[in-house]
Amino acid sequence: FLSVISATYLAILKKDKASKRNINEINNAGNNDASNAASKMHREMLIKIMFIIGSQLLCWISLIAATIYYTIVEESPPEMTFEIFALVIIPINCLLNPIFYSGLYKKIKSKVR
């Protein structure tokens, strides 16, 4: 599972590098309007990816860490520990994914400001 996630993130980083090269080529061509638009799109894409990856990491790594912890210490977790993960934490992650993918987070951010 972690190897699939790692491979996916490496693919995203590879695409990011290619995108930066394209932006640099546009910058070197001297087309400032296209360069600014490309830079803005690139920045927005990075923010979106950071939100998606960050929410995934917060939700799943905390579950994995709790599982590992209670396996190592060989003691039972407090009541409702994993139920909270199953009924609250993971569904929050599922709720956030469409918000990040659709760009709705931009509207939410502008309303909060």
C-alpha atoms as a PDB file:
ATOM      1  CA  PHE A   1       0.000   0.000   0.000  1.00  0.00           C
ATOM      2  CA  LEU A   2       2.708   2.486   0.955  1.00  0.00           C
ATOM      3  CA  SER A   3       4.684   1.633  -2.185  1.00  0.00           C
ATOM      4  CA  VAL A   4       1.688   2.564  -4.355  1.00  0.00           C
ATOM      5  CA  ILE A   5       1.297   5.864  -2.515  1.00  0.00           C
ATOM      6  CA  SER A   6       5.030   6.559  -2.789  1.00  0.00           C
ATOM      7  CA  ALA A   7       5.025   5.778  -6.517  1.00  0.00           C
ATOM      8  CA  THR A   8       2.066   8.092  -7.037  1.00  0.00           C
ATOM      9  CA  TYR A   9       3.716  10.955  -5.185  1.00  0.00           C
ATOM     10  CA  LEU A  10       6.940  10.419  -7.133  1.00  0.00           C
ATOM     11  CA  ALA A  11       4.932  10.647 -10.357  1.00  0.00           C
ATOM     12  CA  ILE A  12       3.407  13.915  -9.129  1.00  0.00           C
ATOM     13  CA  LEU A  13       6.872  15.296  -8.360  1.00  0.00           C
ATOM     14  CA  LYS A  14       8.094  14.249 -11.805  1.00  0.00           C
ATOM     15  CA  LYS A  15       5.159  16.048 -13.450  1.00  0.00           C
ATOM     16  CA  ASP A  16       5.891  19.068 -11.276  1.00  0.00           C
ATOM     17  CA  LYS A  17       9.478  19.208 -12.529  1.00  0.00           C
ATOM     18  CA  ALA A  18       8.269  18.989 -16.133  1.00  0.00           C
ATOM     19  CA  SER A  19       5.784  21.764 -15.459  1.00  0.00           C
ATOM     20  CA  LYS A  20       8.512  23.978 -13.993  1.00  0.00           C
ATOM     21  CA  ARG A  21      10.628  23.391 -17.098  1.00  0.00           C
ATOM     22  CA  ASN A  22       7.705  24.439 -19.302  1.00  0.00           C
ATOM     23  CA  ILE A  23       7.200  27.597 -17.257  1.00  0.00           C
ATOM     24  CA  ASN A  24      10.902  28.421 -17.540  1.00  0.00           C
ATOM     25  CA  GLU A  25      10.725  27.955 -21.313  1.00  0.00           C
ATOM     26  CA  ILE A  26       7.770  30.348 -21.476  1.00  0.00           C
ATOM     27  CA  ASN A  27       9.664  32.830 -19.284  1.00  0.00           C
ATOM     28  CA  ASN A  28      12.704  32.621 -21.552  1.00  0.00           C
ATOM     29  CA  ALA A  29      10.507  33.205 -24.617  1.00  0.00           C
ATOM     30  CA  GLY A  30       9.580  36.582 -23.124  1.00  0.00           C
ATOM     31  CA  ASN A  31       5.813  36.140 -23.104  1.00  0.00           C
ATOM     32  CA  ASN A  32       5.021  37.693 -19.712  1.00  0.00           C
ATOM     33  CA  ASP A  33       1.238  37.198 -19.837  1.00  0.00           C
ATOM     34  CA  ALA A  34       1.563  33.496 -20.630  1.00  0.00           C
ATOM     35  CA  SER A  35       4.355  33.204 -18.081  1.00  0.00           C
ATOM     36  CA  ASN A  36       2.262  34.768 -15.313  1.00  0.00           C
ATOM     37  CA  ALA A  37      -0.741  32.580 -16.143  1.00  0.00           C
ATOM     38  CA  ALA A  38       1.415  29.443 -16.219  1.00  0.00           C
ATOM     39  CA  SER A  39       3.071  30.375 -12.912  1.00  0.00           C
ATOM     40  CA  LYS A  40      -0.312  30.993 -11.295  1.00  0.00           C
ATOM     41  CA  MET A  41      -1.694  27.660 -12.554  1.00  0.00           C
ATOM     42  CA  HIS A  42       1.420  25.882 -11.329  1.00  0.00           C
ATOM     43  CA  ARG A  43       1.181  27.480  -7.893  1.00  0.00           C
ATOM     44  CA  GLU A  44      -2.527  26.609  -7.606  1.00  0.00           C
ATOM     45  CA  MET A  45      -1.813  23.012  -8.610  1.00  0.00           C
ATOM     46  CA  LEU A  46       0.911  22.720  -5.965  1.00  0.00           C
ATOM     47  CA  ILE A  47      -1.408  24.091  -3.279  1.00  0.00           C
ATOM     48  CA  LYS A  48      -4.129  21.633  -4.284  1.00  0.00           C
ATOM     49  CA  ILE A  49      -1.679  18.716  -4.220  1.00  0.00           C
ATOM     50  CA  MET A  50      -0.325  19.793  -0.831  1.00  0.00           C
ATOM     51  CA  PHE A  51      -3.855  19.895   0.622  1.00  0.00           C
ATOM     52  CA  ILE A  52      -4.729  16.485  -0.804  1.00  0.00           C
ATOM     53  CA  ILE A  53      -1.509  14.846   0.359  1.00  0.00           C
ATOM     54  CA  GLY A  54      -1.633  16.594   3.739  1.00  0.00           C
ATOM     55  CA  SER A  55      -5.180  15.463   4.499  1.00  0.00           C
ATOM     56  CA  GLN A  56      -4.334  11.914   3.450  1.00  0.00           C
ATOM     57  CA  LEU A  57      -1.247  11.862   5.637  1.00  0.00           C
ATOM     58  CA  LEU A  58      -2.977  13.318   8.689  1.00  0.00           C
ATOM     59  CA  CYS A  59      -5.847  10.873   8.528  1.00  0.00           C
ATOM     60  CA  TRP A  60      -4.071   7.681   7.585  1.00  0.00           C
ATOM     61  CA  ILE A  61      -0.725   8.100   9.319  1.00  0.00           C
ATOM     62  CA  SER A  62      -2.465   8.741  12.629  1.00  0.00           C
ATOM     63  CA  LEU A  63      -4.453   5.510  12.198  1.00  0.00           C
ATOM     64  CA  ILE A  64      -1.347   3.571  11.212  1.00  0.00           C
ATOM     65  CA  ALA A  65       0.621   5.050  14.137  1.00  0.00           C
ATOM     66  CA  ALA A  66      -2.126   4.123  16.619  1.00  0.00           C
ATOM     67  CA  THR A  67      -2.277   0.605  15.234  1.00  0.00           C
ATOM     68  CA  ILE A  68       1.484   0.168  15.454  1.00  0.00           C
ATOM     69  CA  TYR A  69       1.602   1.671  18.939  1.00  0.00           C
ATOM     70  CA  TYR A  70      -1.052  -0.655  20.361  1.00  0.00           C
ATOM     71  CA  THR A  71       0.566  -3.624  18.631  1.00  0.00           C
ATOM     72  CA  ILE A  72       3.990  -2.866  20.126  1.00  0.00           C
ATOM     73  CA  VAL A  73       2.887  -2.056  23.670  1.00  0.00           C
ATOM     74  CA  GLU A  74       0.610  -5.081  23.658  1.00  0.00           C
ATOM     75  CA  GLU A  75      -2.121  -3.350  25.545  1.00  0.00           C
ATOM     76  CA  SER A  76      -5.687  -2.783  24.530  1.00  0.00           C
ATOM     77  CA  PRO A  77      -6.522   0.648  23.160  1.00  0.00           C
ATOM     78  CA  PRO A  78      -9.004   2.784  25.076  1.00  0.00           C
ATOM     79  CA  GLU A  79     -12.617   2.139  24.248  1.00  0.00           C
ATOM     80  CA  MET A  80     -13.800   3.727  21.009  1.00  0.00           C
ATOM     81  CA  THR A  81     -10.281   4.530  19.735  1.00  0.00           C
ATOM     82  CA  PHE A  82     -10.595   2.770  16.408  1.00  0.00           C
ATOM     83  CA  GLU A  83     -14.304   3.479  16.202  1.00  0.00           C
ATOM     84  CA  ILE A  84     -13.464   7.193  16.254  1.00  0.00           C
ATOM     85  CA  PHE A  85     -11.056   6.644  13.380  1.00  0.00           C
ATOM     86  CA  ALA A  86     -13.653   4.660  11.441  1.00  0.00           C
ATOM     87  CA  LEU A  87     -16.600   6.947  12.159  1.00  0.00           C
ATOM     88  CA  VAL A  88     -14.974  10.390  12.306  1.00  0.00           C
ATOM     89  CA  ILE A  89     -11.392  10.727  11.037  1.00  0.00           C
ATOM     90  CA  ILE A  90     -11.594   8.679   7.827  1.00  0.00           C
ATOM     91  CA  PRO A  91     -14.987  10.128   6.787  1.00  0.00           C
ATOM     92  CA  ILE A  92     -13.560  13.638   7.288  1.00  0.00           C
ATOM     93  CA  ASN A  93     -10.808  12.704   4.858  1.00  0.00           C
ATOM     94  CA  CYS A  94     -13.420  11.448   2.389  1.00  0.00           C
ATOM     95  CA  LEU A  95     -15.324  14.698   2.790  1.00  0.00           C
ATOM     96  CA  LEU A  96     -12.222  16.808   2.178  1.00  0.00           C
ATOM     97  CA  ASN A  97     -11.166  15.025  -1.023  1.00  0.00           C
ATOM     98  CA  PRO A  98     -13.954  16.418  -3.251  1.00  0.00           C
ATOM     99  CA  ILE A  99     -13.471  19.857  -1.722  1.00  0.00           C
ATOM    100  CA  PHE A 100      -9.797  19.825  -2.690  1.00  0.00           C
ATOM    101  CA  TYR A 101     -10.281  18.199  -6.104  1.00  0.00           C
ATOM    102  CA  SER A 102     -13.039  20.602  -7.151  1.00  0.00           C
ATOM    103  CA  GLY A 103     -11.243  23.725  -5.977  1.00  0.00           C
ATOM    104  CA  LEU A 104     -14.051  24.538  -3.538  1.00  0.00           C
ATOM    105  CA  TYR A 105     -11.366  25.209  -0.922  1.00  0.00           C
ATOM    106  CA  LYS A 106     -10.598  28.497  -2.737  1.00  0.00           C
ATOM    107  CA  LYS A 107     -14.158  29.722  -2.169  1.00  0.00           C
ATOM    108  CA  ILE A 108     -14.038  28.628   1.466  1.00  0.00           C
ATOM    109  CA  LYS A 109     -10.701  30.389   1.917  1.00  0.00           C
ATOM    110  CA  SER A 110     -12.034  33.633   0.426  1.00  0.00           C
ATOM    111  CA  LYS A 111     -15.111  33.511   2.706  1.00  0.00           C
ATOM    112  CA  VAL A 112     -12.940  32.973   5.796  1.00  0.00           C
ATOM    113  CA  ARG A 113     -10.763  35.969   5.012  1.00  0.00           C
END
